[in-house]
């Protein structure tokens, strides 16, 4: 059982109209869509929820659907973009490395619909892999050299193509539920992109260039933040008719 992005966007539009008009005919007309969203929500669990034998599905609600859309818009904006990380090292070394990557969605098919997917640890459910593009090495004497052809991966401690993994978190993320990745990507409520080392929580200095046609997703992300503040605490029972 799944719900598509198009169906989720329609659901949010209907509930926004209902909030303005209090017209129960709107709810009546779209009960099938509302019930689908609720059933998909209840049946889809995170890795942490799968591991919790005391999990109650009624702890879910409309906010989870909005959060999924938030993540979808944020991930879609970042996908295929070019990310440069200064000091792309797990800790301080005598030399530092500025690495540039293209962000590639790890499992694209899981990003454009919600449901029919309850990840386990074995699935490694993080969001982005990377395609290495360039490396600049900065030495203690202040010199810099393009070392792309003989790149050093300080995470693997070897002369090899640097590989990084990333997980996306929305503006509402504080801490917890991080998957095993190198970096956390977060777009805050002011639409600034932050990159944190998952283990040390150090924020990195970065540059990011999105794909031009993906910039529309950042506008949708911004609007969805406002919707989360409006509807995030609503239970499904507010919209389901007897």
C-alpha atoms as a PDB file:
ATOM      1  CA  UNK A   1       0.000   0.000   0.000  1.00  0.00           C
ATOM      2  CA  UNK A   2       1.497   3.331  -1.096  1.00  0.00           C
ATOM      3  CA  UNK A   3       0.554   6.967  -1.569  1.00  0.00           C
ATOM      4  CA  UNK A   4       2.200   9.037  -4.285  1.00  0.00           C
ATOM      5  CA  UNK A   5       3.633  12.531  -4.071  1.00  0.00           C
ATOM      6  CA  UNK A   6       0.783  13.787  -6.268  1.00  0.00           C
ATOM      7  CA  UNK A   7      -1.805  12.270  -3.923  1.00  0.00           C
ATOM      8  CA  UNK A   8      -0.062  13.712  -0.871  1.00  0.00           C
ATOM      9  CA  UNK A   9       0.037  17.174  -2.415  1.00  0.00           C
ATOM     10  CA  UNK A  10      -3.678  16.906  -3.230  1.00  0.00           C
ATOM     11  CA  UNK A  11      -4.401  15.796   0.352  1.00  0.00           C
ATOM     12  CA  UNK A  12      -2.581  18.797   1.823  1.00  0.00           C
ATOM     13  CA  UNK A  13      -4.390  21.183  -0.533  1.00  0.00           C
ATOM     14  CA  UNK A  14      -7.764  19.714   0.476  1.00  0.00           C
ATOM     15  CA  UNK A  15      -7.023  20.014   4.191  1.00  0.00           C
ATOM     16  CA  UNK A  16      -5.790  23.579   3.779  1.00  0.00           C
ATOM     17  CA  UNK A  17      -9.065  24.450   2.058  1.00  0.00           C
ATOM     18  CA  UNK A  18     -11.006  22.692   4.821  1.00  0.00           C
ATOM     19  CA  UNK A  19      -9.141  24.723   7.468  1.00  0.00           C
ATOM     20  CA  UNK A  20     -10.330  27.908   5.760  1.00  0.00           C
ATOM     21  CA  UNK A  21     -13.942  26.882   5.039  1.00  0.00           C
ATOM     22  CA  UNK A  22     -14.792  24.222   7.639  1.00  0.00           C
ATOM     23  CA  UNK A  23     -16.763  22.602   4.807  1.00  0.00           C
ATOM     24  CA  UNK A  24     -17.299  18.961   5.751  1.00  0.00           C
ATOM     25  CA  UNK A  25     -18.383  18.217   2.184  1.00  0.00           C
ATOM     26  CA  UNK A  26     -14.706  18.548   1.285  1.00  0.00           C
ATOM     27  CA  UNK A  27     -13.850  15.835   3.778  1.00  0.00           C
ATOM     28  CA  UNK A  28     -16.720  13.677   2.565  1.00  0.00           C
ATOM     29  CA  UNK A  29     -15.630  14.037  -1.065  1.00  0.00           C
ATOM     30  CA  UNK A  30     -12.033  13.077  -0.263  1.00  0.00           C
ATOM     31  CA  UNK A  31     -12.528  10.417   2.449  1.00  0.00           C
ATOM     32  CA  UNK A  32     -10.943   7.719   0.301  1.00  0.00           C
ATOM     33  CA  UNK A  33      -7.769   9.792  -0.039  1.00  0.00           C
ATOM     34  CA  UNK A  34      -7.702  10.674   3.672  1.00  0.00           C
ATOM     35  CA  UNK A  35      -8.209   7.031   4.679  1.00  0.00           C
ATOM     36  CA  UNK A  36      -5.499   5.924   2.243  1.00  0.00           C
ATOM     37  CA  UNK A  37      -3.056   8.406   3.795  1.00  0.00           C
ATOM     38  CA  UNK A  38      -3.928   7.226   7.296  1.00  0.00           C
ATOM     39  CA  UNK A  39      -3.589   3.525   6.407  1.00  0.00           C
ATOM     40  CA  UNK A  40      -0.247   4.076   4.662  1.00  0.00           C
ATOM     41  CA  UNK A  41       0.971   6.124   7.621  1.00  0.00           C
ATOM     42  CA  UNK A  42       0.030   3.451  10.165  1.00  0.00           C
ATOM     43  CA  UNK A  43       1.503   0.620   8.108  1.00  0.00           C
ATOM     44  CA  UNK A  44       4.856   2.304   7.404  1.00  0.00           C
ATOM     45  CA  UNK A  45       7.384   2.176  10.204  1.00  0.00           C
ATOM     46  CA  UNK A  46      10.866   3.538  10.613  1.00  0.00           C
ATOM     47  CA  UNK A  47      13.787   1.323  11.524  1.00  0.00           C
ATOM     48  CA  UNK A  48      13.495   2.491  15.157  1.00  0.00           C
ATOM     49  CA  UNK A  49       9.761   1.720  15.233  1.00  0.00           C
ATOM     50  CA  UNK A  50      10.365  -1.743  13.801  1.00  0.00           C
ATOM     51  CA  UNK A  51      12.788  -2.377  16.657  1.00  0.00           C
ATOM     52  CA  UNK A  52      10.308  -1.153  19.305  1.00  0.00           C
ATOM     53  CA  UNK A  53       7.898  -3.868  20.430  1.00  0.00           C
ATOM     54  CA  UNK A  54       5.797  -1.266  22.310  1.00  0.00           C
ATOM     55  CA  UNK A  55       5.181   0.869  19.211  1.00  0.00           C
ATOM     56  CA  UNK A  56       1.608   2.137  18.830  1.00  0.00           C
ATOM     57  CA  UNK A  57       0.593   3.141  15.317  1.00  0.00           C
ATOM     58  CA  UNK A  58      -1.807   5.808  16.597  1.00  0.00           C
ATOM     59  CA  UNK A  59       1.259   7.854  17.564  1.00  0.00           C
ATOM     60  CA  UNK A  60       1.377   8.772  13.870  1.00  0.00           C
ATOM     61  CA  UNK A  61      -0.666  11.539  12.260  1.00  0.00           C
ATOM     62  CA  UNK A  62      -0.866  14.109   9.492  1.00  0.00           C
ATOM     63  CA  UNK A  63       2.456  15.626  10.533  1.00  0.00           C
ATOM     64  CA  UNK A  64       4.205  12.473   9.351  1.00  0.00           C
ATOM     65  CA  UNK A  65       2.821  12.917   5.837  1.00  0.00           C
ATOM     66  CA  UNK A  66       3.912  16.559   5.852  1.00  0.00           C
ATOM     67  CA  UNK A  67       7.358  15.518   7.075  1.00  0.00           C
ATOM     68  CA  UNK A  68       7.607  13.033   4.236  1.00  0.00           C
ATOM     69  CA  UNK A  69       6.841  15.795   1.741  1.00  0.00           C
ATOM     70  CA  UNK A  70       9.372  18.070   3.457  1.00  0.00           C
ATOM     71  CA  UNK A  71      12.021  15.393   3.090  1.00  0.00           C
ATOM     72  CA  UNK A  72      11.008  14.694  -0.500  1.00  0.00           C
ATOM     73  CA  UNK A  73      11.333  18.360  -1.473  1.00  0.00           C
ATOM     74  CA  UNK A  74      14.638  18.775   0.360  1.00  0.00           C
ATOM     75  CA  UNK A  75      16.126  15.612  -1.101  1.00  0.00           C
ATOM     76  CA  UNK A  76      14.886  16.477  -4.593  1.00  0.00           C
ATOM     77  CA  UNK A  77      16.468  19.938  -4.343  1.00  0.00           C
ATOM     78  CA  UNK A  78      19.820  18.469  -3.289  1.00  0.00           C
ATOM     79  CA  UNK A  79      19.832  15.555  -5.714  1.00  0.00           C
ATOM     80  CA  UNK A  80      22.490  15.772  -8.458  1.00  0.00           C
ATOM     81  CA  UNK A  81      23.789  19.014  -6.923  1.00  0.00           C
ATOM     82  CA  UNK A  82      27.507  19.733  -6.531  1.00  0.00           C
ATOM     83  CA  UNK A  83      28.727  19.868  -2.915  1.00  0.00           C
ATOM     84  CA  UNK A  84      32.182  21.076  -1.890  1.00  0.00           C
ATOM     85  CA  UNK A  85      33.317  20.285   1.675  1.00  0.00           C
ATOM     86  CA  UNK A  86      36.279  22.145   3.160  1.00  0.00           C
ATOM     87  CA  UNK A  87      38.307  20.135   5.643  1.00  0.00           C
ATOM     88  CA  UNK A  88      36.612  16.936   4.491  1.00  0.00           C
ATOM     89  CA  UNK A  89      38.455  14.903   7.094  1.00  0.00           C
ATOM     90  CA  UNK A  90      37.181  12.988  10.154  1.00  0.00           C
ATOM     91  CA  UNK A  91      39.554  14.981  12.373  1.00  0.00           C
ATOM     92  CA  UNK A  92      42.338  17.539  12.053  1.00  0.00           C
ATOM     93  CA  UNK A  93      45.450  16.340  10.232  1.00  0.00           C
ATOM     94  CA  UNK A  94      48.619  18.194   9.262  1.00  0.00           C
ATOM     95  CA  UNK A  95      47.110  18.547   5.785  1.00  0.00           C
ATOM     96  CA  UNK A  96      43.464  19.133   4.979  1.00  0.00           C
ATOM     97  CA  UNK A  97      41.369  18.254   1.974  1.00  0.00           C
ATOM     98  CA  UNK A  98      38.693  20.168   0.123  1.00  0.00           C
ATOM     99  CA  UNK A  99      36.627  17.637  -1.787  1.00  0.00           C
ATOM    100  CA  UNK A 100      33.876  18.179  -4.313  1.00  0.00           C
ATOM    101  CA  UNK A 101      31.123  15.633  -4.949  1.00  0.00           C
ATOM    102  CA  UNK A 102      27.896  15.171  -6.844  1.00  0.00           C
ATOM    103  CA  UNK A 103      25.061  13.999  -4.594  1.00  0.00           C
ATOM    104  CA  UNK A 104      23.301  10.878  -5.895  1.00  0.00           C
ATOM    105  CA  UNK A 105      20.091   9.520  -4.366  1.00  0.00           C
ATOM    106  CA  UNK A 106      20.879   6.046  -3.040  1.00  0.00           C
ATOM    107  CA  UNK A 107      17.425   4.529  -3.640  1.00  0.00           C
ATOM    108  CA  UNK A 108      15.458   6.873  -5.946  1.00  0.00           C
ATOM    109  CA  UNK A 109      12.411   4.597  -6.002  1.00  0.00           C
ATOM    110  CA  UNK A 110      11.841   5.069  -2.259  1.00  0.00           C
ATOM    111  CA  UNK A 111      11.714   8.881  -2.523  1.00  0.00           C
ATOM    112  CA  UNK A 112       8.729   9.484  -4.812  1.00  0.00           C
ATOM    113  CA  UNK A 113       6.106   7.565  -2.875  1.00  0.00           C
ATOM    114  CA  UNK A 114       5.349   6.786   0.755  1.00  0.00           C
ATOM    115  CA  UNK A 115       4.514   3.316   2.022  1.00  0.00           C
ATOM    116  CA  UNK A 116       5.362  -0.293   1.226  1.00  0.00           C
ATOM    117  CA  UNK A 117       8.776   0.239   2.789  1.00  0.00           C
ATOM    118  CA  UNK A 118       9.747  -0.363   6.399  1.00  0.00           C
ATOM    119  CA  UNK A 119      13.546  -0.274   6.426  1.00  0.00           C
ATOM    120  CA  UNK A 120      15.757  -2.438   8.593  1.00  0.00           C
ATOM    121  CA  UNK A 121      19.389  -1.930   9.535  1.00  0.00           C
ATOM    122  CA  UNK A 122      20.385  -4.352   6.765  1.00  0.00           C
ATOM    123  CA  UNK A 123      18.835  -2.020   4.170  1.00  0.00           C
ATOM    124  CA  UNK A 124      21.285   0.768   5.127  1.00  0.00           C
ATOM    125  CA  UNK A 125      18.493   3.363   4.718  1.00  0.00           C
ATOM    126  CA  UNK A 126      20.488   6.542   4.161  1.00  0.00           C
ATOM    127  CA  UNK A 127      19.690   9.094   1.443  1.00  0.00           C
ATOM    128  CA  UNK A 128      22.710  10.012  -0.686  1.00  0.00           C
ATOM    129  CA  UNK A 129      25.816   8.445  -2.116  1.00  0.00           C
ATOM    130  CA  UNK A 130      28.515  10.603  -3.709  1.00  0.00           C
ATOM    131  CA  UNK A 131      30.373  10.843  -6.972  1.00  0.00           C
ATOM    132  CA  UNK A 132      33.864  12.272  -6.429  1.00  0.00           C
ATOM    133  CA  UNK A 133      34.783  15.185  -8.704  1.00  0.00           C
ATOM    134  CA  UNK A 134      37.806  17.059  -7.355  1.00  0.00           C
ATOM    135  CA  UNK A 135      40.289  17.353  -4.477  1.00  0.00           C
ATOM    136  CA  UNK A 136      42.451  20.269  -3.328  1.00  0.00           C
ATOM    137  CA  UNK A 137      44.987  19.470  -0.605  1.00  0.00           C
ATOM    138  CA  UNK A 138      46.139  22.258   1.750  1.00  0.00           C
ATOM    139  CA  UNK A 139      49.545  21.769   3.380  1.00  0.00           C
ATOM    140  CA  UNK A 140      50.875  23.186   6.684  1.00  0.00           C
ATOM    141  CA  UNK A 141      53.114  25.655   4.809  1.00  0.00           C
ATOM    142  CA  UNK A 142      50.031  27.231   3.220  1.00  0.00           C
ATOM    143  CA  UNK A 143      50.490  25.741  -0.224  1.00  0.00           C
ATOM    144  CA  UNK A 144      47.572  24.151  -2.043  1.00  0.00           C
ATOM    145  CA  UNK A 145      47.730  21.477  -4.736  1.00  0.00           C
ATOM    146  CA  UNK A 146      45.146  19.857  -6.967  1.00  0.00           C
ATOM    147  CA  UNK A 147      45.456  16.197  -5.936  1.00  0.00           C
ATOM    148  CA  UNK A 148      42.413  14.893  -7.814  1.00  0.00           C
ATOM    149  CA  UNK A 149      44.465  12.398  -9.819  1.00  0.00           C
ATOM    150  CA  UNK A 150      46.112  10.956  -6.677  1.00  0.00           C
ATOM    151  CA  UNK A 151      43.358  11.661  -4.157  1.00  0.00           C
ATOM    152  CA  UNK A 152      43.694  10.806  -0.473  1.00  0.00           C
ATOM    153  CA  UNK A 153      40.606   9.603   1.368  1.00  0.00           C
ATOM    154  CA  UNK A 154      41.206  10.569   4.986  1.00  0.00           C
ATOM    155  CA  UNK A 155      38.169   8.576   6.148  1.00  0.00           C
ATOM    156  CA  UNK A 156      39.623   5.385   4.671  1.00  0.00           C
ATOM    157  CA  UNK A 157      43.235   6.455   5.327  1.00  0.00           C
ATOM    158  CA  UNK A 158      44.269   5.466   1.832  1.00  0.00           C
ATOM    159  CA  UNK A 159      45.123   6.889  -1.571  1.00  0.00           C
ATOM    160  CA  UNK A 160      41.803   6.076  -3.194  1.00  0.00           C
ATOM    161  CA  UNK A 161      38.742   7.804  -4.576  1.00  0.00           C
ATOM    162  CA  UNK A 162      37.022   9.522  -1.634  1.00  0.00           C
ATOM    163  CA  UNK A 163      33.580   8.095  -0.904  1.00  0.00           C
ATOM    164  CA  UNK A 164      31.017   9.806   1.347  1.00  0.00           C
ATOM    165  CA  UNK A 165      27.486   8.961   2.453  1.00  0.00           C
ATOM    166  CA  UNK A 166      24.840  11.494   3.496  1.00  0.00           C
ATOM    167  CA  UNK A 167      21.482  11.546   5.261  1.00  0.00           C
ATOM    168  CA  UNK A 168      19.014  14.401   4.851  1.00  0.00           C
ATOM    169  CA  UNK A 169      17.195  15.947   7.821  1.00  0.00           C
ATOM    170  CA  UNK A 170      14.585  18.680   7.636  1.00  0.00           C
ATOM    171  CA  UNK A 171      14.444  21.977   9.517  1.00  0.00           C
ATOM    172  CA  UNK A 172      12.606  20.189  12.348  1.00  0.00           C
ATOM    173  CA  UNK A 173      15.448  17.762  13.083  1.00  0.00           C
ATOM    174  CA  UNK A 174      17.393  18.285  16.282  1.00  0.00           C
ATOM    175  CA  UNK A 175      19.194  15.013  16.994  1.00  0.00           C
ATOM    176  CA  UNK A 176      18.535  11.309  16.953  1.00  0.00           C
ATOM    177  CA  UNK A 177      17.477   8.831  14.262  1.00  0.00           C
ATOM    178  CA  UNK A 178      20.721   9.354  12.345  1.00  0.00           C
ATOM    179  CA  UNK A 179      21.672   6.516  10.060  1.00  0.00           C
ATOM    180  CA  UNK A 180      25.254   5.330   9.743  1.00  0.00           C
ATOM    181  CA  UNK A 181      26.626   7.941   7.340  1.00  0.00           C
ATOM    182  CA  UNK A 182      29.547  10.327   7.134  1.00  0.00           C
ATOM    183  CA  UNK A 183      27.498  13.532   7.062  1.00  0.00           C
ATOM    184  CA  UNK A 184      24.070  14.931   7.901  1.00  0.00           C
ATOM    185  CA  UNK A 185      22.578  17.396   5.411  1.00  0.00           C
ATOM    186  CA  UNK A 186      20.039  19.841   6.846  1.00  0.00           C
ATOM    187  CA  UNK A 187      18.120  22.700   5.251  1.00  0.00           C
ATOM    188  CA  UNK A 188      16.951  25.031   8.007  1.00  0.00           C
ATOM    189  CA  UNK A 189      13.784  27.139   8.130  1.00  0.00           C
ATOM    190  CA  UNK A 190      15.633  30.039   6.470  1.00  0.00           C
ATOM    191  CA  UNK A 191      16.620  27.683   3.623  1.00  0.00           C
ATOM    192  CA  UNK A 192      20.302  27.561   4.545  1.00  0.00           C
ATOM    193  CA  UNK A 193      22.094  24.256   3.920  1.00  0.00           C
ATOM    194  CA  UNK A 194      24.183  22.847   6.781  1.00  0.00           C
ATOM    195  CA  UNK A 195      26.507  19.839   6.702  1.00  0.00           C
ATOM    196  CA  UNK A 196      27.427  18.120   9.983  1.00  0.00           C
ATOM    197  CA  UNK A 197      29.882  15.323  10.682  1.00  0.00           C
ATOM    198  CA  UNK A 198      27.529  12.651  12.014  1.00  0.00           C
ATOM    199  CA  UNK A 199      29.903  11.466  14.740  1.00  0.00           C
ATOM    200  CA  UNK A 200      31.535  14.677  15.986  1.00  0.00           C
ATOM    201  CA  UNK A 201      28.586  17.009  15.110  1.00  0.00           C
ATOM    202  CA  UNK A 202      31.130  19.476  13.690  1.00  0.00           C
ATOM    203  CA  UNK A 203      29.565  21.763  11.092  1.00  0.00           C
ATOM    204  CA  UNK A 204      31.603  21.925   7.912  1.00  0.00           C
ATOM    205  CA  UNK A 205      32.290  24.905   5.673  1.00  0.00           C
ATOM    206  CA  UNK A 206      30.702  24.115   2.323  1.00  0.00           C
ATOM    207  CA  UNK A 207      29.651  25.379  -1.081  1.00  0.00           C
ATOM    208  CA  UNK A 208      26.630  23.952  -2.868  1.00  0.00           C
ATOM    209  CA  UNK A 209      25.466  24.428  -6.450  1.00  0.00           C
ATOM    210  CA  UNK A 210      22.031  22.915  -7.151  1.00  0.00           C
ATOM    211  CA  UNK A 211      20.770  21.716 -10.495  1.00  0.00           C
ATOM    212  CA  UNK A 212      18.884  24.710 -11.888  1.00  0.00           C
ATOM    213  CA  UNK A 213      15.644  22.829 -12.523  1.00  0.00           C
ATOM    214  CA  UNK A 214      15.661  21.506  -8.942  1.00  0.00           C
ATOM    215  CA  UNK A 215      15.430  24.954  -7.370  1.00  0.00           C
ATOM    216  CA  UNK A 216      11.613  24.798  -7.521  1.00  0.00           C
ATOM    217  CA  UNK A 217      11.774  22.128  -4.818  1.00  0.00           C
ATOM    218  CA  UNK A 218      13.356  24.603  -2.403  1.00  0.00           C
ATOM    219  CA  UNK A 219      10.332  26.898  -2.799  1.00  0.00           C
ATOM    220  CA  UNK A 220       8.009  23.963  -2.123  1.00  0.00           C
ATOM    221  CA  UNK A 221      10.132  23.049   0.900  1.00  0.00           C
ATOM    222  CA  UNK A 222       9.714  26.557   2.293  1.00  0.00           C
ATOM    223  CA  UNK A 223       5.927  26.442   1.909  1.00  0.00           C
ATOM    224  CA  UNK A 224       5.750  22.990   3.490  1.00  0.00           C
ATOM    225  CA  UNK A 225       7.524  24.288   6.612  1.00  0.00           C
ATOM    226  CA  UNK A 226       4.648  26.743   7.107  1.00  0.00           C
ATOM    227  CA  UNK A 227       2.130  23.933   6.595  1.00  0.00           C
ATOM    228  CA  UNK A 228       3.895  21.809   9.204  1.00  0.00           C
ATOM    229  CA  UNK A 229       3.460  24.584  11.769  1.00  0.00           C
ATOM    230  CA  UNK A 230      -0.230  24.731  10.869  1.00  0.00           C
ATOM    231  CA  UNK A 231      -1.123  21.026  10.724  1.00  0.00           C
ATOM    232  CA  UNK A 232       1.742  19.087  12.287  1.00  0.00           C
ATOM    233  CA  UNK A 233      -0.092  18.126  15.486  1.00  0.00           C
ATOM    234  CA  UNK A 234      -3.362  17.029  13.885  1.00  0.00           C
ATOM    235  CA  UNK A 235      -4.487  13.414  14.351  1.00  0.00           C
ATOM    236  CA  UNK A 236      -6.240  11.577  11.508  1.00  0.00           C
ATOM    237  CA  UNK A 237      -9.430  11.540  13.585  1.00  0.00           C
ATOM    238  CA  UNK A 238      -9.815  15.279  12.889  1.00  0.00           C
ATOM    239  CA  UNK A 239     -10.513  14.505   9.238  1.00  0.00           C
ATOM    240  CA  UNK A 240     -12.228  11.120   9.249  1.00  0.00           C
ATOM    241  CA  UNK A 241     -16.037  11.210   9.267  1.00  0.00           C
ATOM    242  CA  UNK A 242     -18.118   8.751  11.293  1.00  0.00           C
END
